[in-house]
PDB file of N, CA and C in Angstrom:
ATOM      1  N   MET A   1     136.039 -43.704 -89.082  1.00  0.00           N
ATOM      2  CA  MET A   1     136.287 -44.568 -87.935  1.00  0.00           C
ATOM      3  C   MET A   1     136.438 -46.001 -88.405  1.00  0.00           C
ATOM      4  N   GLY A   2     137.313 -46.729 -87.745  1.00  0.00           N
ATOM      5  CA  GLY A   2     137.520 -48.125 -88.094  1.00  0.00           C
ATOM      6  C   GLY A   2     136.376 -48.996 -87.634  1.00  0.00           C
ATOM      7  N   ALA A   3     136.496 -50.282 -87.906  1.00  0.00           N
ATOM      8  CA  ALA A   3     135.468 -51.242 -87.516  1.00  0.00           C
ATOM      9  C   ALA A   3     135.504 -51.526 -86.015  1.00  0.00           C
ATOM     10  N   TYR A   4     136.615 -51.192 -85.377  1.00  0.00           N
ATOM     11  CA  TYR A   4     136.779 -51.449 -83.954  1.00  0.00           C
ATOM     12  C   TYR A   4     137.351 -50.219 -83.259  1.00  0.00           C
ATOM     13  N   ILE A   5     137.126 -50.126 -81.961  1.00  0.00           N
ATOM     14  CA  ILE A   5     137.728 -49.088 -81.129  1.00  0.00           C
ATOM     15  C   ILE A   5     138.532 -49.797 -80.048  1.00  0.00           C
ATOM     16  N   ALA A   6     139.791 -49.403 -79.900  1.00  0.00           N
ATOM     17  CA  ALA A   6     140.654 -49.981 -78.875  1.00  0.00           C
ATOM     18  C   ALA A   6     140.888 -48.941 -77.789  1.00  0.00           C
ATOM     19  N   ALA A   7     140.793 -49.361 -76.533  1.00  0.00           N
ATOM     20  CA  ALA A   7     141.017 -48.462 -75.402  1.00  0.00           C
ATOM     21  C   ALA A   7     142.024 -49.090 -74.451  1.00  0.00           C
ATOM     22  N   LEU A   8     142.908 -48.264 -73.902  1.00  0.00           N
ATOM     23  CA  LEU A   8     143.884 -48.710 -72.914  1.00  0.00           C
ATOM     24  C   LEU A   8     143.516 -48.127 -71.556  1.00  0.00           C
ATOM     25  N   ASP A   9     143.677 -48.929 -70.527  1.00  0.00           N
ATOM     26  CA  ASP A   9     143.397 -48.493 -69.162  1.00  0.00           C
ATOM     27  C   ASP A   9     144.601 -48.835 -68.299  1.00  0.00           C
ATOM     28  N   GLN A  10     145.109 -47.838 -67.567  1.00  0.00           N
ATOM     29  CA  GLN A  10     146.217 -48.089 -66.662  1.00  0.00           C
ATOM     30  C   GLN A  10     145.736 -47.920 -65.233  1.00  0.00           C
ATOM     31  N   GLY A  11     145.704 -48.998 -64.497  1.00  0.00           N
ATOM     32  CA  GLY A  11     145.352 -48.951 -63.084  1.00  0.00           C
ATOM     33  C   GLY A  11     146.614 -49.002 -62.243  1.00  0.00           C
ATOM     34  N   THR A  12     146.458 -48.984 -60.952  1.00  0.00           N
ATOM     35  CA  THR A  12     147.615 -49.040 -60.070  1.00  0.00           C
ATOM     36  C   THR A  12     148.336 -50.379 -60.172  1.00  0.00           C
ATOM     37  N   ALA A  13     147.589 -51.462 -60.308  1.00  0.00           N
ATOM     38  CA  ALA A  13     148.190 -52.797 -60.283  1.00  0.00           C
ATOM     39  C   ALA A  13     148.211 -53.516 -61.622  1.00  0.00           C
ATOM     40  N   SER A  14     147.567 -52.955 -62.670  1.00  0.00           N
ATOM     41  CA  SER A  14     147.555 -53.661 -63.951  1.00  0.00           C
ATOM     42  C   SER A  14     147.296 -52.717 -65.121  1.00  0.00           C
ATOM     43  N   SER A  15     147.705 -53.180 -66.301  1.00  0.00           N
ATOM     44  CA  SER A  15     147.413 -52.523 -67.569  1.00  0.00           C
ATOM     45  C   SER A  15     146.352 -53.352 -68.266  1.00  0.00           C
ATOM     46  N   ARG A  16     145.434 -52.678 -68.933  1.00  0.00           N
ATOM     47  CA  ARG A  16     144.344 -53.381 -69.593  1.00  0.00           C
ATOM     48  C   ARG A  16     144.102 -52.787 -70.973  1.00  0.00           C
ATOM     49  N   ALA A  17     143.734 -53.628 -71.931  1.00  0.00           N
ATOM     50  CA  ALA A  17     143.307 -53.182 -73.260  1.00  0.00           C
ATOM     51  C   ALA A  17     141.924 -53.762 -73.513  1.00  0.00           C
ATOM     52  N   LEU A  18     141.039 -52.932 -74.043  1.00  0.00           N
ATOM     53  CA  LEU A  18     139.675 -53.360 -74.353  1.00  0.00           C
ATOM     54  C   LEU A  18     139.408 -53.101 -75.825  1.00  0.00           C
ATOM     55  N   LEU A  19     138.636 -53.971 -76.454  1.00  0.00           N
ATOM     56  CA  LEU A  19     138.285 -53.833 -77.855  1.00  0.00           C
ATOM     57  C   LEU A  19     136.768 -53.789 -77.969  1.00  0.00           C
ATOM     58  N   PHE A  20     136.260 -52.747 -78.636  1.00  0.00           N
ATOM     59  CA  PHE A  20     134.827 -52.558 -78.833  1.00  0.00           C
ATOM     60  C   PHE A  20     134.496 -52.640 -80.313  1.00  0.00           C
ATOM     61  N   ASP A  21     133.278 -53.110 -80.628  1.00  0.00           N
ATOM     62  CA  ASP A  21     132.817 -53.069 -82.008  1.00  0.00           C
ATOM     63  C   ASP A  21     132.038 -51.771 -82.230  1.00  0.00           C
ATOM     64  N   ARG A  22     131.496 -51.585 -83.431  1.00  0.00           N
ATOM     65  CA  ARG A  22     130.768 -50.353 -83.752  1.00  0.00           C
ATOM     66  C   ARG A  22     129.517 -50.155 -82.912  1.00  0.00           C
ATOM     67  N   GLU A  23     128.989 -51.229 -82.357  1.00  0.00           N
ATOM     68  CA  GLU A  23     127.796 -51.139 -81.506  1.00  0.00           C
ATOM     69  C   GLU A  23     128.169 -50.933 -80.037  1.00  0.00           C
ATOM     70  N   GLN A  24     129.443 -50.642 -79.789  1.00  0.00           N
ATOM     71  CA  GLN A  24     129.988 -50.378 -78.460  1.00  0.00           C
ATOM     72  C   GLN A  24     129.914 -51.589 -77.531  1.00  0.00           C
ATOM     73  N   GLN A  25     129.930 -52.777 -78.096  1.00  0.00           N
ATOM     74  CA  GLN A  25     129.973 -54.008 -77.313  1.00  0.00           C
ATOM     75  C   GLN A  25     131.437 -54.394 -77.100  1.00  0.00           C
ATOM     76  N   VAL A  26     131.781 -54.775 -75.883  1.00  0.00           N
ATOM     77  CA  VAL A  26     133.144 -55.237 -75.612  1.00  0.00           C
ATOM     78  C   VAL A  26     133.310 -56.607 -76.247  1.00  0.00           C
ATOM     79  N   ILE A  27     134.296 -56.731 -77.125  1.00  0.00           N
ATOM     80  CA  ILE A  27     134.528 -58.032 -77.761  1.00  0.00           C
ATOM     81  C   ILE A  27     135.851 -58.663 -77.329  1.00  0.00           C
ATOM     82  N   GLY A  28     136.636 -57.921 -76.549  1.00  0.00           N
ATOM     83  CA  GLY A  28     137.872 -58.499 -76.052  1.00  0.00           C
ATOM     84  C   GLY A  28     138.522 -57.656 -74.981  1.00  0.00           C
ATOM     85  N   ILE A  29     139.156 -58.333 -74.022  1.00  0.00           N
ATOM     86  CA  ILE A  29     139.903 -57.671 -72.943  1.00  0.00           C
ATOM     87  C   ILE A  29     141.173 -58.466 -72.681  1.00  0.00           C
ATOM     88  N   THR A  30     142.286 -57.767 -72.553  1.00  0.00           N
ATOM     89  CA  THR A  30     143.520 -58.400 -72.092  1.00  0.00           C
ATOM     90  C   THR A  30     144.050 -57.574 -70.921  1.00  0.00           C
ATOM     91  N   GLN A  31     144.755 -58.247 -70.004  1.00  0.00           N
ATOM     92  CA  GLN A  31     145.231 -57.575 -68.797  1.00  0.00           C
ATOM     93  C   GLN A  31     146.577 -58.147 -68.388  1.00  0.00           C
ATOM     94  N   LYS A  32     147.438 -57.286 -67.857  1.00  0.00           N
ATOM     95  CA  LYS A  32     148.755 -57.709 -67.381  1.00  0.00           C
ATOM     96  C   LYS A  32     149.065 -56.935 -66.105  1.00  0.00           C
ATOM     97  N   GLU A  33     149.493 -57.651 -65.081  1.00  0.00           N
ATOM     98  CA  GLU A  33     149.848 -57.003 -63.814  1.00  0.00           C
ATOM     99  C   GLU A  33     151.154 -56.233 -63.963  1.00  0.00           C
ATOM    100  N   VAL A  34     151.272 -55.149 -63.192  1.00  0.00           N
ATOM    101  CA  VAL A  34     152.512 -54.374 -63.136  1.00  0.00           C
ATOM    102  C   VAL A  34     152.981 -54.306 -61.682  1.00  0.00           C
ATOM    103  N   SER A  35     154.280 -54.157 -61.504  1.00  0.00           N
ATOM    104  CA  SER A  35     154.861 -54.095 -60.157  1.00  0.00           C
ATOM    105  C   SER A  35     154.476 -52.798 -59.470  1.00  0.00           C
ATOM    106  N   VAL A  36     154.242 -52.887 -58.189  1.00  0.00           N
ATOM    107  CA  VAL A  36     153.901 -51.715 -57.384  1.00  0.00           C
ATOM    108  C   VAL A  36     154.788 -51.733 -56.142  1.00  0.00           C
ATOM    109  N   LEU A  37     155.454 -50.623 -55.893  1.00  0.00           N
ATOM    110  CA  LEU A  37     156.299 -50.491 -54.708  1.00  0.00           C
ATOM    111  C   LEU A  37     155.657 -49.475 -53.762  1.00  0.00           C
ATOM    112  N   TYR A  38     155.721 -49.764 -52.485  1.00  0.00           N
ATOM    113  CA  TYR A  38     155.179 -48.873 -51.466  1.00  0.00           C
ATOM    114  C   TYR A  38     156.325 -48.442 -50.544  1.00  0.00           C
ATOM    115  N   PRO A  39     157.106 -47.403 -50.934  1.00  0.00           N
ATOM    116  CA  PRO A  39     158.273 -47.004 -50.138  1.00  0.00           C
ATOM    117  C   PRO A  39     157.914 -46.407 -48.788  1.00  0.00           C
ATOM    118  N   ARG A  40     156.737 -45.804 -48.690  1.00  0.00           N
ATOM    119  CA  ARG A  40     156.247 -45.216 -47.438  1.00  0.00           C
ATOM    120  C   ARG A  40     154.740 -45.367 -47.396  1.00  0.00           C
ATOM    121  N   GLU A  41     154.190 -45.218 -46.238  1.00  0.00           N
ATOM    122  CA  GLU A  41     152.742 -45.257 -46.105  1.00  0.00           C
ATOM    123  C   GLU A  41     152.111 -44.158 -46.960  1.00  0.00           C
ATOM    124  N   GLY A  42     151.160 -44.555 -47.788  1.00  0.00           N
ATOM    125  CA  GLY A  42     150.465 -43.602 -48.647  1.00  0.00           C
ATOM    126  C   GLY A  42     151.182 -43.282 -49.950  1.00  0.00           C
ATOM    127  N   TRP A  43     152.359 -43.844 -50.175  1.00  0.00           N
ATOM    128  CA  TRP A  43     153.110 -43.601 -51.401  1.00  0.00           C
ATOM    129  C   TRP A  43     153.060 -44.852 -52.275  1.00  0.00           C
ATOM    130  N   VAL A  44     153.045 -44.637 -53.580  1.00  0.00           N
ATOM    131  CA  VAL A  44     153.100 -45.731 -54.542  1.00  0.00           C
ATOM    132  C   VAL A  44     154.113 -45.346 -55.612  1.00  0.00           C
ATOM    133  N   GLU A  45     155.007 -46.253 -55.947  1.00  0.00           N
ATOM    134  CA  GLU A  45     155.973 -46.011 -57.022  1.00  0.00           C
ATOM    135  C   GLU A  45     155.865 -47.113 -58.055  1.00  0.00           C
ATOM    136  N   GLN A  46     156.028 -46.717 -59.330  1.00  0.00           N
ATOM    137  CA  GLN A  46     156.017 -47.673 -60.426  1.00  0.00           C
ATOM    138  C   GLN A  46     157.071 -47.276 -61.445  1.00  0.00           C
ATOM    139  N   ASP A  47     157.549 -48.251 -62.183  1.00  0.00           N
ATOM    140  CA  ASP A  47     158.544 -48.023 -63.223  1.00  0.00           C
ATOM    141  C   ASP A  47     157.816 -47.637 -64.508  1.00  0.00           C
ATOM    142  N   PRO A  48     158.024 -46.425 -65.030  1.00  0.00           N
ATOM    143  CA  PRO A  48     157.322 -46.012 -66.243  1.00  0.00           C
ATOM    144  C   PRO A  48     157.633 -46.894 -67.453  1.00  0.00           C
ATOM    145  N   ARG A  49     158.838 -47.468 -67.494  1.00  0.00           N
ATOM    146  CA  ARG A  49     159.173 -48.373 -68.606  1.00  0.00           C
ATOM    147  C   ARG A  49     158.350 -49.647 -68.536  1.00  0.00           C
ATOM    148  N   GLU A  50     158.094 -50.136 -67.325  1.00  0.00           N
ATOM    149  CA  GLU A  50     157.257 -51.327 -67.168  1.00  0.00           C
ATOM    150  C   GLU A  50     155.807 -51.020 -67.571  1.00  0.00           C
ATOM    151  N   ILE A  51     155.320 -49.841 -67.196  1.00  0.00           N
ATOM    152  CA  ILE A  51     153.963 -49.452 -67.586  1.00  0.00           C
ATOM    153  C   ILE A  51     153.859 -49.384 -69.109  1.00  0.00           C
ATOM    154  N   TYR A  52     154.823 -48.713 -69.742  1.00  0.00           N
ATOM    155  CA  TYR A  52     154.813 -48.598 -71.204  1.00  0.00           C
ATOM    156  C   TYR A  52     154.843 -49.969 -71.873  1.00  0.00           C
ATOM    157  N   SER A  53     155.758 -50.824 -71.426  1.00  0.00           N
ATOM    158  CA  SER A  53     155.883 -52.138 -72.070  1.00  0.00           C
ATOM    159  C   SER A  53     154.655 -53.006 -71.811  1.00  0.00           C
ATOM    160  N   SER A  54     154.028 -52.873 -70.648  1.00  0.00           N
ATOM    161  CA  SER A  54     152.825 -53.667 -70.382  1.00  0.00           C
ATOM    162  C   SER A  54     151.638 -53.153 -71.203  1.00  0.00           C
ATOM    163  N   GLN A  55     151.547 -51.835 -71.409  1.00  0.00           N
ATOM    164  CA  GLN A  55     150.483 -51.284 -72.257  1.00  0.00           C
ATOM    165  C   GLN A  55     150.658 -51.774 -73.696  1.00  0.00           C
ATOM    166  N   TYR A  56     151.886 -51.729 -74.181  1.00  0.00           N
ATOM    167  CA  TYR A  56     152.175 -52.213 -75.533  1.00  0.00           C
ATOM    168  C   TYR A  56     151.836 -53.696 -75.657  1.00  0.00           C
ATOM    169  N   ALA A  57     152.203 -54.473 -74.649  1.00  0.00           N
ATOM    170  CA  ALA A  57     151.974 -55.923 -74.677  1.00  0.00           C
ATOM    171  C   ALA A  57     150.485 -56.275 -74.680  1.00  0.00           C
ATOM    172  N   VAL A  58     149.684 -55.594 -73.842  1.00  0.00           N
ATOM    173  CA  VAL A  58     148.255 -55.935 -73.810  1.00  0.00           C
ATOM    174  C   VAL A  58     147.558 -55.522 -75.100  1.00  0.00           C
ATOM    175  N   MET A  59     147.965 -54.378 -75.686  1.00  0.00           N
ATOM    176  CA  MET A  59     147.376 -53.955 -76.959  1.00  0.00           C
ATOM    177  C   MET A  59     147.736 -54.937 -78.067  1.00  0.00           C
ATOM    178  N   LEU A  60     148.991 -55.297 -78.146  1.00  0.00           N
ATOM    179  CA  LEU A  60     149.437 -56.233 -79.173  1.00  0.00           C
ATOM    180  C   LEU A  60     148.734 -57.582 -79.031  1.00  0.00           C
ATOM    181  N   GLU A  61     148.660 -58.087 -77.800  1.00  0.00           N
ATOM    182  CA  GLU A  61     147.983 -59.359 -77.547  1.00  0.00           C
ATOM    183  C   GLU A  61     146.517 -59.299 -77.971  1.00  0.00           C
ATOM    184  N   LEU A  62     145.850 -58.205 -77.655  1.00  0.00           N
ATOM    185  CA  LEU A  62     144.438 -58.044 -78.004  1.00  0.00           C
ATOM    186  C   LEU A  62     144.241 -58.028 -79.517  1.00  0.00           C
ATOM    187  N   LEU A  63     145.061 -57.262 -80.219  1.00  0.00           N
ATOM    188  CA  LEU A  63     144.923 -57.168 -81.671  1.00  0.00           C
ATOM    189  C   LEU A  63     145.230 -58.501 -82.355  1.00  0.00           C
ATOM    190  N   ILE A  64     146.271 -59.180 -81.912  1.00  0.00           N
ATOM    191  CA  ILE A  64     146.630 -60.476 -82.494  1.00  0.00           C
ATOM    192  C   ILE A  64     145.537 -61.501 -82.225  1.00  0.00           C
ATOM    193  N   LYS A  65     145.040 -61.530 -80.993  1.00  0.00           N
ATOM    194  CA  LYS A  65     144.002 -62.480 -80.601  1.00  0.00           C
ATOM    195  C   LYS A  65     142.753 -62.360 -81.484  1.00  0.00           C
ATOM    196  N   HIS A  66     142.458 -61.131 -81.930  1.00  0.00           N
ATOM    197  CA  HIS A  66     141.255 -60.906 -82.735  1.00  0.00           C
ATOM    198  C   HIS A  66     141.553 -60.694 -84.217  1.00  0.00           C
ATOM    199  N   GLY A  67     142.788 -60.958 -84.628  1.00  0.00           N
ATOM    200  CA  GLY A  67     143.157 -60.873 -86.036  1.00  0.00           C
ATOM    201  C   GLY A  67     143.083 -59.475 -86.615  1.00  0.00           C
ATOM    202  N   ILE A  68     143.439 -58.475 -85.817  1.00  0.00           N
ATOM    203  CA  ILE A  68     143.353 -57.081 -86.247  1.00  0.00           C
ATOM    204  C   ILE A  68     144.760 -56.504 -86.332  1.00  0.00           C
ATOM    205  N   ARG A  69     145.024 -55.804 -87.431  1.00  0.00           N
ATOM    206  CA  ARG A  69     146.333 -55.187 -87.602  1.00  0.00           C
ATOM    207  C   ARG A  69     146.159 -53.694 -87.824  1.00  0.00           C
ATOM    208  N   ALA A  70     146.847 -52.902 -87.022  1.00  0.00           N
ATOM    209  CA  ALA A  70     146.687 -51.449 -87.080  1.00  0.00           C
ATOM    210  C   ALA A  70     147.129 -50.867 -88.419  1.00  0.00           C
ATOM    211  N   ALA A  71     148.075 -51.509 -89.084  1.00  0.00           N
ATOM    212  CA  ALA A  71     148.589 -50.987 -90.354  1.00  0.00           C
ATOM    213  C   ALA A  71     147.598 -51.168 -91.498  1.00  0.00           C
ATOM    214  N   GLY A  72     146.496 -51.861 -91.264  1.00  0.00           N
ATOM    215  CA  GLY A  72     145.482 -52.019 -92.287  1.00  0.00           C
ATOM    216  C   GLY A  72     145.795 -53.089 -93.320  1.00  0.00           C
ATOM    217  N   LYS A  73     146.816 -53.913 -93.085  1.00  0.00           N
ATOM    218  CA  LYS A  73     147.159 -54.949 -94.048  1.00  0.00           C
ATOM    219  C   LYS A  73     146.222 -56.143 -93.961  1.00  0.00           C
ATOM    220  N   TRP A  74     145.519 -56.267 -92.836  1.00  0.00           N
ATOM    221  CA  TRP A  74     144.500 -57.293 -92.725  1.00  0.00           C
ATOM    222  C   TRP A  74     143.170 -56.654 -93.021  1.00  0.00           C
ATOM    223  N   ASP A  75     142.114 -57.422 -93.093  1.00  0.00           N
ATOM    224  CA  ASP A  75     140.831 -56.862 -93.494  1.00  0.00           C
ATOM    225  C   ASP A  75     140.070 -56.181 -92.368  1.00  0.00           C
ATOM    226  N   ARG A  76     140.588 -56.148 -91.172  1.00  0.00           N
ATOM    227  CA  ARG A  76     139.932 -55.473 -90.054  1.00  0.00           C
ATOM    228  C   ARG A  76     140.762 -54.280 -89.629  1.00  0.00           C
ATOM    229  N   THR A  77     140.112 -53.176 -89.291  1.00  0.00           N
ATOM    230  CA  THR A  77     140.827 -51.990 -88.843  1.00  0.00           C
ATOM    231  C   THR A  77     140.267 -51.534 -87.509  1.00  0.00           C
ATOM    232  N   PHE A  78     141.015 -50.699 -86.818  1.00  0.00           N
ATOM    233  CA  PHE A  78     140.545 -50.196 -85.532  1.00  0.00           C
ATOM    234  C   PHE A  78     140.892 -48.726 -85.378  1.00  0.00           C
ATOM    235  N   SER A  79     140.187 -48.062 -84.495  1.00  0.00           N
ATOM    236  CA  SER A  79     140.456 -46.673 -84.134  1.00  0.00           C
ATOM    237  C   SER A  79     140.878 -46.641 -82.673  1.00  0.00           C
ATOM    238  N   PRO A  80     141.992 -45.970 -82.366  1.00  0.00           N
ATOM    239  CA  PRO A  80     142.404 -45.885 -80.960  1.00  0.00           C
ATOM    240  C   PRO A  80     141.557 -44.867 -80.202  1.00  0.00           C
ATOM    241  N   LEU A  81     141.421 -45.068 -78.912  1.00  0.00           N
ATOM    242  CA  LEU A  81     140.700 -44.153 -78.039  1.00  0.00           C
ATOM    243  C   LEU A  81     141.625 -43.829 -76.880  1.00  0.00           C
ATOM    244  N   MET A  82     141.765 -42.534 -76.556  1.00  0.00           N
ATOM    245  CA  MET A  82     142.687 -42.153 -75.496  1.00  0.00           C
ATOM    246  C   MET A  82     142.010 -41.220 -74.510  1.00  0.00           C
ATOM    247  N   ASP A  83     142.255 -41.454 -73.249  1.00  0.00           N
ATOM    248  CA  ASP A  83     141.793 -40.566 -72.187  1.00  0.00           C
ATOM    249  C   ASP A  83     142.912 -40.491 -71.161  1.00  0.00           C
ATOM    250  N   GLU A  84     143.413 -39.308 -70.915  1.00  0.00           N
ATOM    251  CA  GLU A  84     144.500 -39.149 -69.965  1.00  0.00           C
ATOM    252  C   GLU A  84     143.938 -38.710 -68.624  1.00  0.00           C
ATOM    253  N   THR A  85     144.286 -39.458 -67.602  1.00  0.00           N
ATOM    254  CA  THR A  85     143.843 -39.124 -66.241  1.00  0.00           C
ATOM    255  C   THR A  85     145.067 -38.708 -65.441  1.00  0.00           C
ATOM    256  N   PRO A  86     145.173 -37.442 -65.053  1.00  0.00           N
ATOM    257  CA  PRO A  86     146.335 -37.030 -64.255  1.00  0.00           C
ATOM    258  C   PRO A  86     146.321 -37.701 -62.891  1.00  0.00           C
ATOM    259  N   ARG A  87     147.477 -38.051 -62.403  1.00  0.00           N
ATOM    260  CA  ARG A  87     147.593 -38.701 -61.090  1.00  0.00           C
ATOM    261  C   ARG A  87     148.381 -37.828 -60.164  1.00  0.00           C
TER     262      ARG A  87
END
């Protein structure tokens, strides 16, 4: 396992990336809003390309902000964490 754990969270209105250390302390959070369309009552639509690009953007921003590079070329490394929630 790397020195850090990165987690992505996709909510209805925003994408979020969180960075944890080995002691499971949150050391960083980045968030970006995503567009939400309501074509009918009780319906929600979103552009999957916008979700993907916002997830990529928050992860990249988080890693850059904390000087972490996934390729291991810097002295800090991280392990990704994934949890898929069906909607």
